[in-house]
């Protein structure tokens, strides 16, 4: 029973991470589109945001990979 509760918590955490990452990515893309429509000068914050998207995606991917690896290891035992 305890292992099932831990598994559910891990799945919920992983889903939360992906919702956060995809939400931030969508927000940054929308910010860039609005700045482009307003013919606003692209600032350093936009450049930093463009760098942040791949960093967030990489972090979420690594955490997902670790989660899947842990589940495979638990099934072998």
N, C-alpha and C. Protein backbone atom coordinates (compact mmCIF):
# COMPACT_ATOMS: atom_id res chain seq x y z
N UNK A 1 0.82 -1.20 0.00
CA UNK A 1 0.00 0.00 0.00
C UNK A 1 0.86 1.26 0.00
N UNK A 2 1.96 1.23 0.78
CA UNK A 2 2.82 2.39 0.86
C UNK A 2 3.50 2.67 -0.48
N UNK A 3 3.91 1.61 -1.19
CA UNK A 3 4.56 1.78 -2.49
C UNK A 3 3.60 2.41 -3.49
N UNK A 4 2.32 2.05 -3.40
CA UNK A 4 1.33 2.61 -4.32
C UNK A 4 1.14 4.10 -4.04
N UNK A 5 1.13 4.48 -2.77
CA UNK A 5 0.98 5.90 -2.41
C UNK A 5 2.18 6.70 -2.90
N UNK A 6 3.36 6.13 -2.76
CA UNK A 6 4.57 6.82 -3.24
C UNK A 6 4.52 6.96 -4.76
N UNK A 7 4.09 5.92 -5.44
CA UNK A 7 3.98 5.96 -6.90
C UNK A 7 3.00 7.05 -7.34
N UNK A 8 1.85 7.14 -6.67
CA UNK A 8 0.84 8.16 -7.01
C UNK A 8 1.42 9.55 -6.78
N UNK A 9 2.14 9.74 -5.67
CA UNK A 9 2.76 11.03 -5.39
C UNK A 9 3.80 11.38 -6.46
N UNK A 10 4.58 10.40 -6.89
CA UNK A 10 5.57 10.64 -7.94
C UNK A 10 4.91 11.02 -9.26
N UNK A 11 3.84 10.33 -9.62
CA UNK A 11 3.14 10.64 -10.87
C UNK A 11 2.55 12.05 -10.80
N UNK A 12 1.94 12.40 -9.67
CA UNK A 12 1.37 13.74 -9.53
C UNK A 12 2.45 14.81 -9.58
N UNK A 13 3.60 14.53 -8.98
CA UNK A 13 4.71 15.48 -9.02
C UNK A 13 5.22 15.66 -10.44
N UNK A 14 5.35 14.55 -11.16
CA UNK A 14 5.83 14.62 -12.54
C UNK A 14 4.84 15.40 -13.41
N UNK A 15 3.56 15.14 -13.22
CA UNK A 15 2.55 15.87 -13.99
C UNK A 15 2.59 17.36 -13.66
N UNK A 16 2.78 17.69 -12.40
CA UNK A 16 2.88 19.09 -12.00
C UNK A 16 4.07 19.79 -12.63
N UNK A 17 5.18 19.06 -12.68
CA UNK A 17 6.38 19.62 -13.32
C UNK A 17 6.10 19.94 -14.79
N UNK A 18 5.46 19.00 -15.50
CA UNK A 18 5.20 19.21 -16.93
C UNK A 18 4.17 20.32 -17.15
N UNK A 19 3.17 20.42 -16.28
CA UNK A 19 2.20 21.51 -16.41
C UNK A 19 2.91 22.85 -16.22
N UNK A 20 3.79 22.92 -15.24
CA UNK A 20 4.56 24.13 -14.99
C UNK A 20 5.43 24.49 -16.19
N UNK A 21 6.18 23.53 -16.70
CA UNK A 21 7.10 23.79 -17.81
C UNK A 21 6.34 24.20 -19.07
N UNK A 22 5.28 23.48 -19.40
CA UNK A 22 4.52 23.84 -20.60
C UNK A 22 3.81 25.17 -20.44
N UNK A 23 3.33 25.46 -19.24
CA UNK A 23 2.68 26.75 -18.99
C UNK A 23 3.65 27.91 -19.13
N UNK A 24 4.83 27.77 -18.55
CA UNK A 24 5.86 28.82 -18.67
C UNK A 24 6.27 29.00 -20.13
N UNK A 25 6.43 27.89 -20.85
CA UNK A 25 6.82 27.97 -22.27
C UNK A 25 5.75 28.69 -23.08
N UNK A 26 4.49 28.34 -22.86
CA UNK A 26 3.40 29.01 -23.59
C UNK A 26 3.35 30.49 -23.24
N UNK A 27 3.57 30.82 -21.98
CA UNK A 27 3.53 32.22 -21.57
C UNK A 27 4.65 33.01 -22.23
N UNK A 28 5.86 32.46 -22.28
CA UNK A 28 6.99 33.15 -22.89
C UNK A 28 6.75 33.33 -24.39
N UNK A 29 6.25 32.31 -25.04
CA UNK A 29 5.97 32.43 -26.48
C UNK A 29 4.92 33.50 -26.73
N UNK A 30 3.89 33.54 -25.90
CA UNK A 30 2.84 34.57 -26.04
C UNK A 30 3.44 35.96 -25.80
N UNK A 31 4.32 36.07 -24.81
CA UNK A 31 4.97 37.34 -24.52
C UNK A 31 5.77 37.83 -25.72
N UNK A 32 6.48 36.94 -26.37
CA UNK A 32 7.28 37.32 -27.53
C UNK A 32 6.38 37.73 -28.69
N UNK A 33 5.27 37.01 -28.90
CA UNK A 33 4.34 37.37 -29.97
C UNK A 33 3.73 38.75 -29.75
N UNK A 34 3.33 39.03 -28.52
CA UNK A 34 2.74 40.34 -28.22
C UNK A 34 3.77 41.44 -28.41
N UNK A 35 5.00 41.22 -27.95
CA UNK A 35 6.06 42.21 -28.13
C UNK A 35 6.33 42.44 -29.62
N UNK A 36 6.25 41.38 -30.41
CA UNK A 36 6.46 41.51 -31.85
C UNK A 36 5.32 42.27 -32.50
N UNK A 37 4.08 41.99 -32.08
CA UNK A 37 2.92 42.70 -32.64
C UNK A 37 2.95 44.18 -32.30
N UNK A 38 3.44 44.51 -31.12
CA UNK A 38 3.53 45.91 -30.70
C UNK A 38 4.78 46.59 -31.23
N UNK A 39 5.58 45.83 -31.98
CA UNK A 39 6.85 46.33 -32.51
C UNK A 39 7.73 46.88 -31.39
N UNK A 40 7.70 46.16 -30.29
CA UNK A 40 8.48 46.52 -29.12
C UNK A 40 9.91 46.01 -29.29
N UNK A 41 10.84 46.73 -28.74
CA UNK A 41 12.24 46.29 -28.81
C UNK A 41 12.41 45.04 -27.95
N UNK A 42 13.06 44.07 -28.52
CA UNK A 42 13.30 42.86 -27.76
C UNK A 42 14.36 43.14 -26.71
N UNK A 43 14.02 42.81 -25.50
CA UNK A 43 14.90 43.12 -24.37
C UNK A 43 15.67 41.89 -23.93
N UNK A 44 16.53 42.12 -22.96
CA UNK A 44 17.32 41.01 -22.43
C UNK A 44 16.42 39.98 -21.75
N UNK A 45 15.30 40.43 -21.18
CA UNK A 45 14.41 39.48 -20.51
C UNK A 45 13.81 38.49 -21.50
N UNK A 46 13.54 38.93 -22.73
CA UNK A 46 13.03 38.02 -23.75
C UNK A 46 14.11 37.02 -24.13
N UNK A 47 15.34 37.49 -24.26
CA UNK A 47 16.44 36.58 -24.59
C UNK A 47 16.66 35.55 -23.48
N UNK A 48 16.60 36.01 -22.25
CA UNK A 48 16.75 35.09 -21.12
C UNK A 48 15.61 34.08 -21.11
N UNK A 49 14.41 34.53 -21.43
CA UNK A 49 13.26 33.64 -21.47
C UNK A 49 13.43 32.58 -22.55
N UNK A 50 13.98 32.98 -23.69
CA UNK A 50 14.21 32.01 -24.77
C UNK A 50 15.23 30.96 -24.36
N UNK A 51 16.17 31.33 -23.54
CA UNK A 51 17.15 30.37 -23.04
C UNK A 51 16.51 29.49 -21.97
N UNK A 52 15.60 30.06 -21.20
CA UNK A 52 14.98 29.34 -20.08
C UNK A 52 14.09 28.19 -20.56
N UNK A 53 13.44 28.35 -21.70
CA UNK A 53 12.53 27.31 -22.20
C UNK A 53 13.27 25.97 -22.38
N UNK A 54 14.38 25.93 -23.11
CA UNK A 54 15.08 24.64 -23.23
C UNK A 54 15.62 24.11 -21.91
N UNK A 55 16.00 25.01 -21.02
CA UNK A 55 16.50 24.57 -19.71
C UNK A 55 15.38 23.88 -18.93
N UNK A 56 14.19 24.50 -18.90
CA UNK A 56 13.05 23.90 -18.22
C UNK A 56 12.67 22.56 -18.87
N UNK A 57 12.64 22.53 -20.19
CA UNK A 57 12.29 21.28 -20.88
C UNK A 57 13.31 20.17 -20.60
N UNK A 58 14.58 20.54 -20.57
CA UNK A 58 15.62 19.55 -20.26
C UNK A 58 15.48 19.04 -18.83
N UNK A 59 15.24 19.94 -17.90
CA UNK A 59 15.06 19.53 -16.51
C UNK A 59 13.87 18.60 -16.33
N UNK A 60 12.75 18.95 -16.94
CA UNK A 60 11.57 18.09 -16.84
C UNK A 60 11.81 16.74 -17.52
N UNK A 61 12.53 16.75 -18.62
CA UNK A 61 12.83 15.49 -19.32
C UNK A 61 13.73 14.60 -18.48
N UNK A 62 14.73 15.18 -17.83
CA UNK A 62 15.63 14.40 -16.98
C UNK A 62 14.86 13.81 -15.80
N UNK A 63 14.01 14.60 -15.18
CA UNK A 63 13.22 14.09 -14.06
C UNK A 63 12.28 12.97 -14.51
N UNK A 64 11.70 13.10 -15.68
CA UNK A 64 10.84 12.04 -16.21
C UNK A 64 11.65 10.79 -16.50
N UNK A 65 12.84 10.96 -17.07
CA UNK A 65 13.71 9.82 -17.36
C UNK A 65 14.10 9.09 -16.07
N UNK A 66 14.41 9.84 -15.04
CA UNK A 66 14.77 9.24 -13.75
C UNK A 66 13.57 8.49 -13.18
N UNK A 67 12.40 9.10 -13.26
CA UNK A 67 11.19 8.45 -12.75
C UNK A 67 10.93 7.13 -13.47
N UNK A 68 11.02 7.13 -14.78
CA UNK A 68 10.79 5.90 -15.56
C UNK A 68 11.86 4.87 -15.22
N UNK A 69 13.10 5.30 -15.07
CA UNK A 69 14.17 4.39 -14.71
C UNK A 69 13.95 3.77 -13.34
N UNK A 70 13.49 4.56 -12.39
CA UNK A 70 13.20 4.03 -11.06
C UNK A 70 12.07 3.02 -11.10
N UNK A 71 11.06 3.28 -11.93
CA UNK A 71 9.95 2.34 -12.03
C UNK A 71 10.39 1.03 -12.67
N UNK A 72 11.25 1.10 -13.67
CA UNK A 72 11.77 -0.12 -14.29
C UNK A 72 12.62 -0.91 -13.31
N UNK A 73 13.43 -0.19 -12.53
CA UNK A 73 14.26 -0.86 -11.52
C UNK A 73 13.43 -1.52 -10.44
N UNK A 74 12.31 -0.88 -10.07
CA UNK A 74 11.44 -1.44 -9.03
C UNK A 74 10.74 -2.69 -9.55
N UNK A 75 10.39 -2.71 -10.83
CA UNK A 75 9.71 -3.87 -11.40
C UNK A 75 10.65 -5.08 -11.49
N UNK A 76 11.94 -4.82 -11.70
CA UNK A 76 12.92 -5.92 -11.79
C UNK A 76 13.10 -6.57 -10.43
N UNK A 77 13.00 -5.76 -9.37
CA UNK A 77 13.19 -6.30 -8.01
C UNK A 77 11.89 -6.93 -7.59
